[in-house]
């Protein structure tokens, strides 16, 4: 099953994001190599600066998706004001369908 992590950064925490980014990227690369990452990227503010994240992962259930999310270095660094995790269905332009 696919689960979307919809993450909103705490205000004023851009430096935390920048400082933690190398660990976060390595974490996502690990998920990708394990075939658990569908896609990921930051949300941007009006100035084009990152202020949140959208990460879609493959997990057997919500509990596993939550555990993966909690292991993200951004989450461990306290970057996020909120994280919503929702089951998601990829319908259009799914790479496996092309």
Protein backbone atom coordinates (compact mmCIF):
# COMPACT_ATOMS: atom_id res chain seq x y z
CA UNK A 1 0.00 0.00 0.00
CA UNK A 2 1.09 3.56 -0.62
CA UNK A 3 1.11 6.14 2.15
CA UNK A 4 1.68 9.88 1.76
CA UNK A 5 3.48 11.83 4.45
CA UNK A 6 2.29 15.42 4.31
CA UNK A 7 4.76 17.33 6.45
CA UNK A 8 4.68 20.99 7.43
CA UNK A 9 7.86 22.60 8.77
CA UNK A 10 7.87 24.61 11.96
CA UNK A 11 8.15 28.34 11.20
CA UNK A 12 11.69 29.66 11.23
CA UNK A 13 13.32 26.23 10.95
CA UNK A 14 14.84 26.48 7.46
CA UNK A 15 18.36 26.13 8.90
CA UNK A 16 17.36 22.87 10.64
CA UNK A 17 16.16 21.60 7.25
CA UNK A 18 19.36 22.67 5.52
CA UNK A 19 21.62 21.22 8.22
CA UNK A 20 19.76 17.89 8.26
CA UNK A 21 19.29 17.55 4.51
CA UNK A 22 22.28 15.25 3.84
CA UNK A 23 21.02 12.72 6.42
CA UNK A 24 17.45 13.05 5.08
CA UNK A 25 18.62 12.43 1.48
CA UNK A 26 20.63 9.38 2.59
CA UNK A 27 17.55 8.07 4.42
CA UNK A 28 15.39 8.48 1.31
CA UNK A 29 18.08 6.86 -0.85
CA UNK A 30 17.98 3.90 1.53
CA UNK A 31 14.20 3.65 1.22
CA UNK A 32 14.57 3.90 -2.54
CA UNK A 33 17.11 1.06 -2.67
CA UNK A 34 14.71 -1.05 -0.58
CA UNK A 35 11.91 -0.27 -3.09
CA UNK A 36 9.90 1.50 -0.35
CA UNK A 37 10.02 5.04 -1.81
CA UNK A 38 7.58 6.00 -4.57
CA UNK A 39 8.57 9.68 -4.74
CA UNK A 40 9.43 12.63 -2.54
CA UNK A 41 10.12 16.34 -2.58
CA UNK A 42 9.70 19.59 -0.68
CA UNK A 43 6.79 21.98 -0.62
CA UNK A 44 7.92 25.54 -1.38
CA UNK A 45 6.86 28.90 0.02
CA UNK A 46 6.16 32.02 -2.08
CA UNK A 47 9.92 32.74 -2.22
CA UNK A 48 10.73 29.23 -3.47
CA UNK A 49 12.21 28.12 -0.15
CA UNK A 50 11.30 24.66 1.22
CA UNK A 51 8.72 24.69 4.01
CA UNK A 52 7.47 21.11 4.13
CA UNK A 53 7.70 17.72 2.48
CA UNK A 54 5.62 15.26 0.51
CA UNK A 55 6.94 11.71 0.73
CA UNK A 56 5.08 8.69 -0.65
CA UNK A 57 6.21 5.29 0.58
CA UNK A 58 5.22 1.68 0.13
CA UNK A 59 4.35 0.04 3.46
CA UNK A 60 2.23 -2.95 4.52
CA UNK A 61 0.06 -0.85 6.84
CA UNK A 62 -0.34 2.50 8.58
CA UNK A 63 1.76 1.45 11.57
CA UNK A 64 4.72 0.65 9.30
CA UNK A 65 4.29 3.94 7.42
CA UNK A 66 4.31 5.81 10.74
CA UNK A 67 7.45 3.98 11.85
CA UNK A 68 9.23 4.92 8.62
CA UNK A 69 8.14 8.54 9.01
CA UNK A 70 9.39 8.69 12.60
CA UNK A 71 12.80 7.41 11.44
CA UNK A 72 13.23 10.28 8.95
CA UNK A 73 16.11 12.51 10.10
CA UNK A 74 13.93 15.57 9.56
CA UNK A 75 11.37 14.18 12.01
CA UNK A 76 14.09 13.20 14.50
CA UNK A 77 15.56 16.74 14.27
CA UNK A 78 12.19 18.25 15.23
CA UNK A 79 11.74 20.04 11.90
CA UNK A 80 8.05 19.31 11.44
CA UNK A 81 5.17 21.21 12.97
CA UNK A 82 2.82 18.50 11.75
CA UNK A 83 2.90 15.22 9.85
CA UNK A 84 -0.25 13.75 8.36
CA UNK A 85 0.03 10.20 7.04
CA UNK A 86 -2.67 9.04 4.66
CA UNK A 87 -3.15 5.96 2.53
CA UNK A 88 -2.95 6.98 -1.12
CA UNK A 89 -3.94 5.43 -4.44
CA UNK A 90 -1.75 6.24 -7.46
CA UNK A 91 -4.15 6.25 -10.44
CA UNK A 92 -2.77 8.45 -13.24
CA UNK A 93 0.75 8.38 -14.72
CA UNK A 94 1.91 5.59 -12.44
CA UNK A 95 5.36 4.52 -13.74
CA UNK A 96 4.52 0.80 -13.55
CA UNK A 97 1.58 1.41 -15.89
CA UNK A 98 3.76 3.04 -18.59
